[in-house]
Amino acid sequence: MIVGIGVDVTETDKVYKAIQKDSFLKKCYTIKEQELINKRKSSAVCNFAGKEAVSKALGTGFSKFFPVDIEILREKNGKPYVNLYGKAKEIAERLGITKIHISISDTKEIAVAYVVVESKD
């Protein structure tokens, strides 16, 4: 059963400016994500859009946890997947979420993420 849907559009310039600050990187991205950002700067924009979409699908936005509680990584074929930690994981468990589907697309100007979360019931 679909529990939530989240969509986000993130502007590239805003994230590129924000990642210049170490405090923003640490608050928003896990170590693994920071390694990806060091290799491919656009990962920062794509992942931030994904984090926003996941937080919306959970029904809370970032009012209940920090973006770093959501980690977005890629399979070898490039397909994104989500890991949850801390408060985000607690909320997902409380909602009975068993699967998170995520799609992310980007251009030079924006990244768009779409998330659907499911539960068994």
C-alpha atoms as a PDB file:
ATOM      1  CA  MET A   1       0.000   0.000   0.000  1.00  0.00           C
ATOM      2  CA  ILE A   2       1.267   3.485  -0.802  1.00  0.00           C
ATOM      3  CA  VAL A   3       1.845   5.427   2.415  1.00  0.00           C
ATOM      4  CA  GLY A   4       3.264   8.649   0.984  1.00  0.00           C
ATOM      5  CA  ILE A   5       4.477  10.466  -2.091  1.00  0.00           C
ATOM      6  CA  GLY A   6       7.069  13.233  -2.190  1.00  0.00           C
ATOM      7  CA  VAL A   7       8.322  15.449  -4.983  1.00  0.00           C
ATOM      8  CA  ASP A   8      11.020  18.114  -4.938  1.00  0.00           C
ATOM      9  CA  VAL A   9      12.719  20.490  -7.351  1.00  0.00           C
ATOM     10  CA  THR A  10      16.094  21.840  -6.198  1.00  0.00           C
ATOM     11  CA  GLU A  11      18.047  24.635  -7.865  1.00  0.00           C
ATOM     12  CA  THR A  12      21.629  23.740  -8.715  1.00  0.00           C
ATOM     13  CA  ASP A  13      23.128  27.157  -7.966  1.00  0.00           C
ATOM     14  CA  LYS A  14      21.732  27.256  -4.427  1.00  0.00           C
ATOM     15  CA  VAL A  15      23.178  23.866  -3.516  1.00  0.00           C
ATOM     16  CA  TYR A  16      26.542  24.583  -5.150  1.00  0.00           C
ATOM     17  CA  LYS A  17      26.777  27.732  -3.047  1.00  0.00           C
ATOM     18  CA  ALA A  18      25.687  25.943   0.146  1.00  0.00           C
ATOM     19  CA  ILE A  19      28.172  23.057  -0.190  1.00  0.00           C
ATOM     20  CA  GLN A  20      31.007  25.547   0.052  1.00  0.00           C
ATOM     21  CA  LYS A  21      30.290  25.556   3.801  1.00  0.00           C
ATOM     22  CA  ASP A  22      31.584  22.546   5.702  1.00  0.00           C
ATOM     23  CA  SER A  23      28.748  22.854   8.245  1.00  0.00           C
ATOM     24  CA  PHE A  24      26.148  22.433   5.481  1.00  0.00           C
ATOM     25  CA  LEU A  25      27.916  19.346   4.130  1.00  0.00           C
ATOM     26  CA  LYS A  26      28.042  17.697   7.568  1.00  0.00           C
ATOM     27  CA  LYS A  27      24.410  18.548   8.388  1.00  0.00           C
ATOM     28  CA  CYS A  28      23.071  17.318   5.062  1.00  0.00           C
ATOM     29  CA  TYR A  29      25.286  14.543   3.692  1.00  0.00           C
ATOM     30  CA  THR A  30      26.717  11.305   5.082  1.00  0.00           C
ATOM     31  CA  ILE A  31      30.410  10.503   4.643  1.00  0.00           C
ATOM     32  CA  LYS A  32      29.619   8.198   1.702  1.00  0.00           C
ATOM     33  CA  GLU A  33      27.569  10.946   0.041  1.00  0.00           C
ATOM     34  CA  GLN A  34      30.360  13.477   0.586  1.00  0.00           C
ATOM     35  CA  GLU A  35      32.755  11.100  -1.173  1.00  0.00           C
ATOM     36  CA  LEU A  36      30.365  10.971  -4.149  1.00  0.00           C
ATOM     37  CA  ILE A  37      30.077  14.763  -4.158  1.00  0.00           C
ATOM     38  CA  ASN A  38      33.874  15.048  -4.276  1.00  0.00           C
ATOM     39  CA  LYS A  39      33.845  12.894  -7.434  1.00  0.00           C
ATOM     40  CA  ARG A  40      30.727  14.391  -9.029  1.00  0.00           C
ATOM     41  CA  LYS A  41      29.537  17.767  -7.769  1.00  0.00           C
ATOM     42  CA  SER A  42      26.035  17.345  -9.241  1.00  0.00           C
ATOM     43  CA  SER A  43      25.451  14.488  -6.766  1.00  0.00           C
ATOM     44  CA  ALA A  44      24.956  17.156  -4.104  1.00  0.00           C
ATOM     45  CA  VAL A  45      21.992  18.642  -5.965  1.00  0.00           C
ATOM     46  CA  CYS A  46      20.441  15.299  -6.893  1.00  0.00           C
ATOM     47  CA  ASN A  47      20.801  13.938  -3.375  1.00  0.00           C
ATOM     48  CA  PHE A  48      19.392  17.065  -1.761  1.00  0.00           C
ATOM     49  CA  ALA A  49      16.317  16.922  -4.008  1.00  0.00           C
ATOM     50  CA  GLY A  50      15.975  13.243  -3.102  1.00  0.00           C
ATOM     51  CA  LYS A  51      16.272  13.935   0.612  1.00  0.00           C
ATOM     52  CA  GLU A  52      13.580  16.621   0.369  1.00  0.00           C
ATOM     53  CA  ALA A  53      11.275  14.266  -1.538  1.00  0.00           C
ATOM     54  CA  VAL A  54      11.800  11.455   1.000  1.00  0.00           C
ATOM     55  CA  SER A  55      11.077  13.800   3.915  1.00  0.00           C
ATOM     56  CA  LYS A  56       7.838  14.894   2.220  1.00  0.00           C
ATOM     57  CA  ALA A  57       6.844  11.277   1.522  1.00  0.00           C
ATOM     58  CA  LEU A  58       7.344  10.562   5.237  1.00  0.00           C
ATOM     59  CA  GLY A  59       4.888  13.392   5.913  1.00  0.00           C
ATOM     60  CA  THR A  60       7.215  15.517   8.020  1.00  0.00           C
ATOM     61  CA  GLY A  61       9.592  17.510   5.859  1.00  0.00           C
ATOM     62  CA  PHE A  62      12.771  18.321   7.733  1.00  0.00           C
ATOM     63  CA  SER A  63      10.882  19.461  10.839  1.00  0.00           C
ATOM     64  CA  LYS A  64      11.483  16.152  12.667  1.00  0.00           C
ATOM     65  CA  PHE A  65      15.043  15.254  11.605  1.00  0.00           C
ATOM     66  CA  PHE A  66      18.127  16.474   9.726  1.00  0.00           C
ATOM     67  CA  PRO A  67      18.804  15.736   6.048  1.00  0.00           C
ATOM     68  CA  VAL A  68      21.821  13.604   7.039  1.00  0.00           C
ATOM     69  CA  ASP A  69      19.317  11.037   8.417  1.00  0.00           C
ATOM     70  CA  ILE A  70      18.486  10.240   4.773  1.00  0.00           C
ATOM     71  CA  GLU A  71      21.267   8.784   2.658  1.00  0.00           C
ATOM     72  CA  ILE A  72      20.973   8.402  -1.097  1.00  0.00           C
ATOM     73  CA  LEU A  73      23.474   6.160  -2.838  1.00  0.00           C
ATOM     74  CA  ARG A  74      23.619   4.501  -6.252  1.00  0.00           C
ATOM     75  CA  GLU A  75      23.725   0.893  -7.364  1.00  0.00           C
ATOM     76  CA  LYS A  76      26.429  -0.024  -9.897  1.00  0.00           C
ATOM     77  CA  ASN A  77      23.978   0.667 -12.723  1.00  0.00           C
ATOM     78  CA  GLY A  78      23.344   4.172 -11.353  1.00  0.00           C
ATOM     79  CA  LYS A  79      19.904   3.509  -9.891  1.00  0.00           C
ATOM     80  CA  PRO A  80      19.450   5.498  -6.648  1.00  0.00           C
ATOM     81  CA  TYR A  81      18.406   3.890  -3.387  1.00  0.00           C
ATOM     82  CA  VAL A  82      17.684   5.244   0.099  1.00  0.00           C
ATOM     83  CA  ASN A  83      19.039   4.379   3.550  1.00  0.00           C
ATOM     84  CA  LEU A  84      17.377   5.899   6.609  1.00  0.00           C
ATOM     85  CA  TYR A  85      18.980   6.638   9.975  1.00  0.00           C
ATOM     86  CA  GLY A  86      18.016   8.205  13.291  1.00  0.00           C
ATOM     87  CA  LYS A  87      14.654   9.976  13.494  1.00  0.00           C
ATOM     88  CA  ALA A  88      13.870   9.415   9.799  1.00  0.00           C
ATOM     89  CA  LYS A  89      14.220   5.655  10.335  1.00  0.00           C
ATOM     90  CA  GLU A  90      12.036   5.817  13.454  1.00  0.00           C
ATOM     91  CA  ILE A  91       9.284   7.636  11.540  1.00  0.00           C
ATOM     92  CA  ALA A  92       9.455   5.124   8.681  1.00  0.00           C
ATOM     93  CA  GLU A  93       9.227   2.218  11.122  1.00  0.00           C
ATOM     94  CA  ARG A  94       6.269   3.815  12.895  1.00  0.00           C
ATOM     95  CA  LEU A  95       4.506   4.182   9.520  1.00  0.00           C
ATOM     96  CA  GLY A  96       5.306   0.559   8.656  1.00  0.00           C
ATOM     97  CA  ILE A  97       7.269   1.520   5.557  1.00  0.00           C
ATOM     98  CA  THR A  98       8.810  -1.481   3.834  1.00  0.00           C
ATOM     99  CA  LYS A  99       9.936   0.024   0.522  1.00  0.00           C
ATOM    100  CA  ILE A 100      11.110   3.391  -0.771  1.00  0.00           C
ATOM    101  CA  HIS A 101      11.040   4.000  -4.523  1.00  0.00           C
ATOM    102  CA  ILE A 102      13.057   6.984  -5.759  1.00  0.00           C
ATOM    103  CA  SER A 103      13.675   8.569  -9.129  1.00  0.00           C
ATOM    104  CA  ILE A 104      16.013  11.530  -9.661  1.00  0.00           C
ATOM    105  CA  SER A 105      16.659  13.555 -12.817  1.00  0.00           C
ATOM    106  CA  ASP A 106      18.821  16.620 -13.266  1.00  0.00           C
ATOM    107  CA  THR A 107      19.788  19.322 -15.719  1.00  0.00           C
ATOM    108  CA  LYS A 108      22.330  22.115 -15.419  1.00  0.00           C
ATOM    109  CA  GLU A 109      19.780  24.278 -13.583  1.00  0.00           C
ATOM    110  CA  ILE A 110      17.726  21.874 -11.423  1.00  0.00           C
ATOM    111  CA  ALA A 111      17.334  18.399  -9.992  1.00  0.00           C
ATOM    112  CA  VAL A 112      13.915  16.776  -9.622  1.00  0.00           C
ATOM    113  CA  ALA A 113      13.197  13.858  -7.307  1.00  0.00           C
ATOM    114  CA  TYR A 114      10.074  11.746  -6.986  1.00  0.00           C
ATOM    115  CA  VAL A 115       9.564   9.312  -4.096  1.00  0.00           C
ATOM    116  CA  VAL A 116       6.871   6.756  -3.291  1.00  0.00           C
ATOM    117  CA  VAL A 117       6.906   4.936   0.060  1.00  0.00           C
ATOM    118  CA  GLU A 118       5.045   1.676   0.635  1.00  0.00           C
ATOM    119  CA  SER A 119       3.948  -0.457   3.547  1.00  0.00           C
ATOM    120  CA  LYS A 120       2.754  -4.083   3.613  1.00  0.00           C
ATOM    121  CA  ASP A 121      -0.794  -3.168   4.599  1.00  0.00           C
END
